[in-house]
Structure formats: structure tokens, C-alpha cells
């Protein structure tokens, strides 16, 4: 039985991270289906690591993402991004809410790390991505995060979310990704196979085929 370890550096407000997640999931299913029925199916251990597209973003904001992109990248940037995401979303089953606002992600990253300690990191990411990208909810809000944690099966308290516990660890992991792996944008995937020192890094919104090729390369 092959076991693949996959680290994903991601920001919880990065739309291409959501697209990348869906493509990775598709690739894992495709690769597992190709294994002979006489062999045990491969195991994929996926871990989410923090990245900040804008660590100074406000906790609450009424600035729509399209306006934010226009201010940051120039006229037309918001509409171009919306069009690109609409196409990617159609292919992956994601309906992006273009009225979603810009929020700080330190608190939601802390929650993902906390959930990972309970073996629920992936479930927590599922809830965050759906709530933010498809429903336009504020994933910096404590009450929203408590609701999403409950849906993900994560036992978390309001005191934890309102405090700073785990914050330094999140920032340290972010800096580790930047300095040790040279990560400047997300999503960024590091794929490895248990028992091998080889790794395959993949950056950006990769199609399912790119992940399948990585699994094949590590299996040869």
C-alpha cells in the first residue's frame, strides 16, 4: 500500500486554493481507481499549512473582493479575475460569490491548525472554503467560525478563538514556507511518498493530471 503525504500551503481567502483542492481530490480518485483490485488502495495524508496573501487585512471589511483587486492591480482586474474563476468554478463545481469581502485570515488559520490536532483539518478547510467563497461569509468572525467548527466536527471554544493561542505557531509555519521553500504565492503543494526522500513541488492552480503525474513519478 502506497502512502502519499501532501502539504498544501494555502490562504483561506485564496480562490485558486479552493480550485486546487478540488483538482487534487479529483486526481486522488483517478489515481486510486487505476490501482489493481488485488492491491490495497493508496492512502493520501493531506495537511494544510498557512500562508497570508495580506497579513495586514482588516478583520472586518465592507470592501468587495472585486473592488480590492481593482485598487491593487488596476482597472479591470476584478472583472478579469471573476471571469477566470467562473470558468474554473464551472469545471470544479464551485459557485463563487463575487460579492464576498476582504478579511484577515489569522483567526481562521489558527482554527485550521487547532482542527488538525483533532484530525479534522480537511473538514475544517471544507467548511471555511464553502462559507467564504460560495456564501460570502466573514471567516474572521468568531461566531461564524464556531458554527463552522461545529459543522466540521471540531470541538472549539469561543475563548480559544478570541485569544491568541496558536498564533505564533501559525506565523512561524508561514515564515517557514516562505524562507525554506521559497513560496511567494499559493496554492503550493509538496507531494512525497512515505519511505522516499523525493518530493514533487507544484505551484498554482494545477489540473488533476499534474497531480496524477506526481503520484506516478513518486511510485516509479
C-alpha atoms as a PDB file:
ATOM      1  CA  UNK A   1       0.000   0.000   0.000  1.00  0.00           C
ATOM      2  CA  UNK A   2       1.432   3.353  -1.066  1.00  0.00           C
ATOM      3  CA  UNK A   3       1.089   6.320   1.243  1.00  0.00           C
ATOM      4  CA  UNK A   4       1.461   9.831  -0.115  1.00  0.00           C
ATOM      5  CA  UNK A   5       1.988  12.859   2.090  1.00  0.00           C
ATOM      6  CA  UNK A   6       0.741  16.160   0.714  1.00  0.00           C
ATOM      7  CA  UNK A   7       1.426  19.532   2.302  1.00  0.00           C
ATOM      8  CA  UNK A   8      -0.657  22.398   0.967  1.00  0.00           C
ATOM      9  CA  UNK A   9       0.337  25.978   1.700  1.00  0.00           C
ATOM     10  CA  UNK A  10      -2.844  27.974   1.316  1.00  0.00           C
ATOM     11  CA  UNK A  11      -4.699  31.094   2.383  1.00  0.00           C
ATOM     12  CA  UNK A  12      -8.332  30.714   3.355  1.00  0.00           C
ATOM     13  CA  UNK A  13      -9.335  33.620   1.089  1.00  0.00           C
ATOM     14  CA  UNK A  14      -7.367  32.380  -1.942  1.00  0.00           C
ATOM     15  CA  UNK A  15      -9.864  31.199  -4.597  1.00  0.00           C
ATOM     16  CA  UNK A  16      -7.264  29.214  -6.521  1.00  0.00           C
ATOM     17  CA  UNK A  17      -6.580  27.248  -3.348  1.00  0.00           C
ATOM     18  CA  UNK A  18     -10.209  26.094  -3.455  1.00  0.00           C
ATOM     19  CA  UNK A  19      -9.871  25.190  -7.134  1.00  0.00           C
ATOM     20  CA  UNK A  20      -6.578  23.425  -6.409  1.00  0.00           C
ATOM     21  CA  UNK A  21      -8.203  21.437  -3.621  1.00  0.00           C
ATOM     22  CA  UNK A  22     -10.938  20.194  -5.934  1.00  0.00           C
ATOM     23  CA  UNK A  23      -8.404  19.258  -8.621  1.00  0.00           C
ATOM     24  CA  UNK A  24      -6.256  17.406  -6.090  1.00  0.00           C
ATOM     25  CA  UNK A  25      -9.275  15.456  -4.867  1.00  0.00           C
ATOM     26  CA  UNK A  26     -10.129  14.529  -8.449  1.00  0.00           C
ATOM     27  CA  UNK A  27      -6.558  13.369  -9.051  1.00  0.00           C
ATOM     28  CA  UNK A  28      -6.515  11.230  -5.913  1.00  0.00           C
ATOM     29  CA  UNK A  29      -9.691   9.460  -7.043  1.00  0.00           C
ATOM     30  CA  UNK A  30      -8.310   8.942 -10.556  1.00  0.00           C
ATOM     31  CA  UNK A  31      -5.024   7.545  -9.291  1.00  0.00           C
ATOM     32  CA  UNK A  32      -6.691   5.243  -6.761  1.00  0.00           C
ATOM     33  CA  UNK A  33      -9.029   3.878  -9.450  1.00  0.00           C
ATOM     34  CA  UNK A  34      -6.045   2.844 -11.569  1.00  0.00           C
ATOM     35  CA  UNK A  35      -4.589   0.598  -8.877  1.00  0.00           C
ATOM     36  CA  UNK A  36      -5.158  -3.152  -9.461  1.00  0.00           C
ATOM     37  CA  UNK A  37      -8.054  -4.557  -7.443  1.00  0.00           C
ATOM     38  CA  UNK A  38      -5.643  -7.053  -5.885  1.00  0.00           C
ATOM     39  CA  UNK A  39      -3.699  -4.253  -4.193  1.00  0.00           C
ATOM     40  CA  UNK A  40      -4.691  -2.051  -1.297  1.00  0.00           C
ATOM     41  CA  UNK A  41      -5.700   1.440  -2.451  1.00  0.00           C
ATOM     42  CA  UNK A  42      -3.195   4.266  -1.907  1.00  0.00           C
ATOM     43  CA  UNK A  43      -3.504   6.435   1.177  1.00  0.00           C
ATOM     44  CA  UNK A  44      -3.275  10.229   0.968  1.00  0.00           C
ATOM     45  CA  UNK A  45      -2.375  12.222   4.067  1.00  0.00           C
ATOM     46  CA  UNK A  46      -3.210  15.860   3.304  1.00  0.00           C
ATOM     47  CA  UNK A  47      -2.055  18.619   5.650  1.00  0.00           C
ATOM     48  CA  UNK A  48      -2.928  22.299   5.301  1.00  0.00           C
ATOM     49  CA  UNK A  49      -0.283  24.914   6.064  1.00  0.00           C
ATOM     50  CA  UNK A  50      -0.818  28.671   6.443  1.00  0.00           C
ATOM     51  CA  UNK A  51       0.052  31.425   4.009  1.00  0.00           C
ATOM     52  CA  UNK A  52      -1.016  35.072   4.054  1.00  0.00           C
ATOM     53  CA  UNK A  53      -1.884  36.928   0.874  1.00  0.00           C
ATOM     54  CA  UNK A  54      -2.413  40.034   3.010  1.00  0.00           C
ATOM     55  CA  UNK A  55      -1.470  39.614   6.650  1.00  0.00           C
ATOM     56  CA  UNK A  56      -2.494  43.243   7.307  1.00  0.00           C
ATOM     57  CA  UNK A  57      -6.050  42.787   6.023  1.00  0.00           C
ATOM     58  CA  UNK A  58      -8.740  44.082   8.413  1.00  0.00           C
ATOM     59  CA  UNK A  59     -10.731  41.628  10.487  1.00  0.00           C
ATOM     60  CA  UNK A  60     -13.959  43.125   9.210  1.00  0.00           C
ATOM     61  CA  UNK A  61     -14.333  44.941   5.920  1.00  0.00           C
ATOM     62  CA  UNK A  62     -17.095  46.089   3.610  1.00  0.00           C
ATOM     63  CA  UNK A  63     -14.734  46.180   0.627  1.00  0.00           C
ATOM     64  CA  UNK A  64     -15.867  43.660  -2.026  1.00  0.00           C
ATOM     65  CA  UNK A  65     -13.132  41.484  -3.457  1.00  0.00           C
ATOM     66  CA  UNK A  66     -13.615  42.932  -6.952  1.00  0.00           C
ATOM     67  CA  UNK A  67     -13.010  46.484  -5.707  1.00  0.00           C
ATOM     68  CA  UNK A  68      -9.995  45.325  -3.707  1.00  0.00           C
ATOM     69  CA  UNK A  69      -8.465  43.767  -6.827  1.00  0.00           C
ATOM     70  CA  UNK A  70      -9.145  46.912  -8.851  1.00  0.00           C
ATOM     71  CA  UNK A  71      -7.309  49.009  -6.266  1.00  0.00           C
ATOM     72  CA  UNK A  72      -4.399  46.593  -6.007  1.00  0.00           C
ATOM     73  CA  UNK A  73      -3.884  45.593  -9.652  1.00  0.00           C
ATOM     74  CA  UNK A  74      -5.651  48.269 -11.689  1.00  0.00           C
ATOM     75  CA  UNK A  75      -8.827  48.801 -13.657  1.00  0.00           C
ATOM     76  CA  UNK A  76     -10.425  45.634 -14.963  1.00  0.00           C
ATOM     77  CA  UNK A  77      -8.565  43.287 -12.605  1.00  0.00           C
ATOM     78  CA  UNK A  78     -11.679  42.430 -10.629  1.00  0.00           C
ATOM     79  CA  UNK A  79     -13.790  41.520 -13.645  1.00  0.00           C
ATOM     80  CA  UNK A  80     -10.961  39.514 -15.223  1.00  0.00           C
ATOM     81  CA  UNK A  81     -10.478  37.511 -12.040  1.00  0.00           C
ATOM     82  CA  UNK A  82     -14.225  36.910 -11.715  1.00  0.00           C
ATOM     83  CA  UNK A  83     -14.380  35.621 -15.296  1.00  0.00           C
ATOM     84  CA  UNK A  84     -11.403  33.290 -14.792  1.00  0.00           C
ATOM     85  CA  UNK A  85     -12.842  31.943 -11.558  1.00  0.00           C
ATOM     86  CA  UNK A  86     -16.263  31.423 -13.129  1.00  0.00           C
ATOM     87  CA  UNK A  87     -14.665  29.137 -15.727  1.00  0.00           C
ATOM     88  CA  UNK A  88     -12.564  27.292 -13.148  1.00  0.00           C
ATOM     89  CA  UNK A  89     -15.545  27.026 -10.832  1.00  0.00           C
ATOM     90  CA  UNK A  90     -17.736  25.548 -13.546  1.00  0.00           C
ATOM     91  CA  UNK A  91     -15.128  22.834 -14.121  1.00  0.00           C
ATOM     92  CA  UNK A  92     -14.789  22.015 -10.423  1.00  0.00           C
ATOM     93  CA  UNK A  93     -18.323  22.529  -9.137  1.00  0.00           C
ATOM     94  CA  UNK A  94     -17.665  25.800  -7.295  1.00  0.00           C
ATOM     95  CA  UNK A  95     -20.046  28.767  -7.499  1.00  0.00           C
ATOM     96  CA  UNK A  96     -18.023  31.794  -6.443  1.00  0.00           C
ATOM     97  CA  UNK A  97     -19.797  34.657  -4.682  1.00  0.00           C
ATOM     98  CA  UNK A  98     -18.330  37.783  -6.287  1.00  0.00           C
ATOM     99  CA  UNK A  99     -19.714  39.976  -3.506  1.00  0.00           C
ATOM    100  CA  UNK A 100     -17.532  38.376  -0.842  1.00  0.00           C
ATOM    101  CA  UNK A 101     -15.481  40.811   1.223  1.00  0.00           C
ATOM    102  CA  UNK A 102     -11.779  41.016   2.105  1.00  0.00           C
ATOM    103  CA  UNK A 103     -10.975  39.620   5.575  1.00  0.00           C
ATOM    104  CA  UNK A 104      -7.949  38.837   7.722  1.00  0.00           C
ATOM    105  CA  UNK A 105      -7.234  35.099   7.968  1.00  0.00           C
ATOM    106  CA  UNK A 106      -5.072  34.732  11.083  1.00  0.00           C
ATOM    107  CA  UNK A 107      -8.005  33.535  13.198  1.00  0.00           C
ATOM    108  CA  UNK A 108      -9.221  31.020  10.613  1.00  0.00           C
ATOM    109  CA  UNK A 109      -5.661  29.706  10.177  1.00  0.00           C
ATOM    110  CA  UNK A 110      -5.480  29.201  13.939  1.00  0.00           C
ATOM    111  CA  UNK A 111      -8.725  27.253  13.740  1.00  0.00           C
ATOM    112  CA  UNK A 112      -7.429  25.026  10.922  1.00  0.00           C
ATOM    113  CA  UNK A 113      -4.311  24.252  12.948  1.00  0.00           C
ATOM    114  CA  UNK A 114      -6.466  23.540  16.001  1.00  0.00           C
ATOM    115  CA  UNK A 115      -8.739  21.273  13.933  1.00  0.00           C
ATOM    116  CA  UNK A 116      -5.734  19.436  12.504  1.00  0.00           C
ATOM    117  CA  UNK A 117      -4.807  18.489  16.061  1.00  0.00           C
ATOM    118  CA  UNK A 118      -8.142  16.657  16.205  1.00  0.00           C
ATOM    119  CA  UNK A 119      -7.616  15.035  12.802  1.00  0.00           C
ATOM    120  CA  UNK A 120     -10.176  17.374  11.242  1.00  0.00           C
ATOM    121  CA  UNK A 121      -8.036  19.821   9.272  1.00  0.00           C
ATOM    122  CA  UNK A 122      -9.513  18.840   5.920  1.00  0.00           C
ATOM    123  CA  UNK A 123     -13.072  19.018   7.208  1.00  0.00           C
ATOM    124  CA  UNK A 124     -12.390  22.487   8.610  1.00  0.00           C
ATOM    125  CA  UNK A 125     -10.991  23.691   5.295  1.00  0.00           C
ATOM    126  CA  UNK A 126     -14.102  22.340   3.540  1.00  0.00           C
ATOM    127  CA  UNK A 127     -16.358  24.414   5.768  1.00  0.00           C
ATOM    128  CA  UNK A 128     -14.238  27.572   5.502  1.00  0.00           C
ATOM    129  CA  UNK A 129     -13.964  27.445   1.720  1.00  0.00           C
ATOM    130  CA  UNK A 130     -17.677  26.811   1.227  1.00  0.00           C
ATOM    131  CA  UNK A 131     -18.692  29.547   3.679  1.00  0.00           C
ATOM    132  CA  UNK A 132     -16.350  32.189   2.295  1.00  0.00           C
ATOM    133  CA  UNK A 133     -16.217  31.548  -1.436  1.00  0.00           C
ATOM    134  CA  UNK A 134     -19.754  30.313  -2.080  1.00  0.00           C
ATOM    135  CA  UNK A 135     -21.716  32.081   0.662  1.00  0.00           C
ATOM    136  CA  UNK A 136     -19.639  35.238   1.132  1.00  0.00           C
ATOM    137  CA  UNK A 137     -19.491  34.845   4.909  1.00  0.00           C
ATOM    138  CA  UNK A 138     -16.977  36.572   7.198  1.00  0.00           C
ATOM    139  CA  UNK A 139     -14.499  33.878   8.231  1.00  0.00           C
ATOM    140  CA  UNK A 140     -12.768  36.266  10.627  1.00  0.00           C
ATOM    141  CA  UNK A 141     -15.917  36.441  12.773  1.00  0.00           C
ATOM    142  CA  UNK A 142     -15.767  34.359  15.952  1.00  0.00           C
ATOM    143  CA  UNK A 143     -19.419  33.286  15.886  1.00  0.00           C
ATOM    144  CA  UNK A 144     -19.190  32.250  12.237  1.00  0.00           C
ATOM    145  CA  UNK A 145     -16.067  30.210  12.960  1.00  0.00           C
ATOM    146  CA  UNK A 146     -17.701  28.491  15.937  1.00  0.00           C
ATOM    147  CA  UNK A 147     -20.619  27.481  13.723  1.00  0.00           C
ATOM    148  CA  UNK A 148     -18.296  26.163  11.019  1.00  0.00           C
ATOM    149  CA  UNK A 149     -16.172  24.294  13.566  1.00  0.00           C
ATOM    150  CA  UNK A 150     -19.277  22.522  14.850  1.00  0.00           C
ATOM    151  CA  UNK A 151     -20.240  21.521  11.303  1.00  0.00           C
ATOM    152  CA  UNK A 152     -16.720  20.150  10.786  1.00  0.00           C
ATOM    153  CA  UNK A 153     -16.926  18.122  13.989  1.00  0.00           C
ATOM    154  CA  UNK A 154     -14.254  20.233  15.686  1.00  0.00           C
ATOM    155  CA  UNK A 155     -14.516  20.899  19.404  1.00  0.00           C
ATOM    156  CA  UNK A 156     -13.513  24.536  19.828  1.00  0.00           C
ATOM    157  CA  UNK A 157     -14.394  27.286  22.306  1.00  0.00           C
ATOM    158  CA  UNK A 158     -15.114  30.970  21.939  1.00  0.00           C
ATOM    159  CA  UNK A 159     -12.297  31.723  24.389  1.00  0.00           C
ATOM    160  CA  UNK A 160      -9.811  29.987  22.098  1.00  0.00           C
ATOM    161  CA  UNK A 161     -10.901  31.928  19.022  1.00  0.00           C
ATOM    162  CA  UNK A 162     -10.935  35.261  20.841  1.00  0.00           C
ATOM    163  CA  UNK A 163      -7.451  34.653  22.255  1.00  0.00           C
ATOM    164  CA  UNK A 164      -4.013  34.362  20.687  1.00  0.00           C
ATOM    165  CA  UNK A 165      -3.187  30.716  21.372  1.00  0.00           C
ATOM    166  CA  UNK A 166      -1.516  29.103  18.370  1.00  0.00           C
ATOM    167  CA  UNK A 167      -0.992  32.419  16.593  1.00  0.00           C
ATOM    168  CA  UNK A 168       2.782  32.413  16.830  1.00  0.00           C
ATOM    169  CA  UNK A 169       2.896  28.811  15.611  1.00  0.00           C
ATOM    170  CA  UNK A 170       0.809  29.776  12.572  1.00  0.00           C
ATOM    171  CA  UNK A 171       3.078  32.709  11.751  1.00  0.00           C
ATOM    172  CA  UNK A 172       6.161  30.506  12.202  1.00  0.00           C
ATOM    173  CA  UNK A 173       4.769  27.912   9.775  1.00  0.00           C
ATOM    174  CA  UNK A 174       4.026  30.673   7.282  1.00  0.00           C
ATOM    175  CA  UNK A 175       7.574  32.035   7.541  1.00  0.00           C
ATOM    176  CA  UNK A 176       8.986  28.515   7.229  1.00  0.00           C
ATOM    177  CA  UNK A 177       7.171  28.083   3.925  1.00  0.00           C
ATOM    178  CA  UNK A 178       8.431  31.413   2.627  1.00  0.00           C
ATOM    179  CA  UNK A 179      12.058  31.002   3.699  1.00  0.00           C
ATOM    180  CA  UNK A 180      12.607  27.238   3.385  1.00  0.00           C
ATOM    181  CA  UNK A 181      10.550  26.533   0.269  1.00  0.00           C
ATOM    182  CA  UNK A 182      10.672  29.940  -1.406  1.00  0.00           C
ATOM    183  CA  UNK A 183       6.895  30.196  -1.512  1.00  0.00           C
ATOM    184  CA  UNK A 184       5.670  33.550  -2.789  1.00  0.00           C
ATOM    185  CA  UNK A 185       2.164  32.568  -3.839  1.00  0.00           C
ATOM    186  CA  UNK A 186      -0.455  29.915  -3.235  1.00  0.00           C
ATOM    187  CA  UNK A 187      -1.636  27.265  -3.587  1.00  0.00           C
ATOM    188  CA  UNK A 188       1.688  25.496  -3.217  1.00  0.00           C
ATOM    189  CA  UNK A 189       1.764  21.703  -2.929  1.00  0.00           C
ATOM    190  CA  UNK A 190       4.600  19.489  -1.715  1.00  0.00           C
ATOM    191  CA  UNK A 191       3.952  15.844  -2.589  1.00  0.00           C
ATOM    192  CA  UNK A 192       6.033  12.988  -1.210  1.00  0.00           C
ATOM    193  CA  UNK A 193       5.742   9.245  -0.742  1.00  0.00           C
ATOM    194  CA  UNK A 194       6.379   7.514   2.546  1.00  0.00           C
ATOM    195  CA  UNK A 195       9.691   5.694   2.505  1.00  0.00           C
ATOM    196  CA  UNK A 196      11.227   8.008  -0.102  1.00  0.00           C
ATOM    197  CA  UNK A 197      13.159  11.252   0.256  1.00  0.00           C
ATOM    198  CA  UNK A 198      11.951  12.520  -3.112  1.00  0.00           C
ATOM    199  CA  UNK A 199       9.413  15.337  -3.259  1.00  0.00           C
ATOM    200  CA  UNK A 200       7.439  16.947  -6.064  1.00  0.00           C
ATOM    201  CA  UNK A 201       6.536  20.625  -5.598  1.00  0.00           C
ATOM    202  CA  UNK A 202       3.589  22.019  -7.537  1.00  0.00           C
ATOM    203  CA  UNK A 203       2.666  25.686  -7.603  1.00  0.00           C
ATOM    204  CA  UNK A 204      -0.569  27.384  -8.624  1.00  0.00           C
ATOM    205  CA  UNK A 205      -3.906  26.103  -9.891  1.00  0.00           C
ATOM    206  CA  UNK A 206      -2.680  22.794 -11.290  1.00  0.00           C
ATOM    207  CA  UNK A 207      -5.030  20.481 -13.237  1.00  0.00           C
ATOM    208  CA  UNK A 208      -5.737  16.962 -11.934  1.00  0.00           C
ATOM    209  CA  UNK A 209      -3.316  15.475 -14.482  1.00  0.00           C
ATOM    210  CA  UNK A 210      -0.376  17.291 -12.870  1.00  0.00           C
ATOM    211  CA  UNK A 211      -1.071  15.631  -9.536  1.00  0.00           C
ATOM    212  CA  UNK A 212      -1.524  12.220 -11.140  1.00  0.00           C
ATOM    213  CA  UNK A 213       1.864  12.655 -12.828  1.00  0.00           C
ATOM    214  CA  UNK A 214       3.403  13.497  -9.450  1.00  0.00           C
ATOM    215  CA  UNK A 215       1.949  10.342  -7.885  1.00  0.00           C
ATOM    216  CA  UNK A 216       3.231   8.273 -10.809  1.00  0.00           C
ATOM    217  CA  UNK A 217       6.713   9.794 -10.622  1.00  0.00           C
ATOM    218  CA  UNK A 218       6.955   9.044  -6.920  1.00  0.00           C
ATOM    219  CA  UNK A 219       5.729   5.485  -7.498  1.00  0.00           C
ATOM    220  CA  UNK A 220       8.305   4.586 -10.157  1.00  0.00           C
END
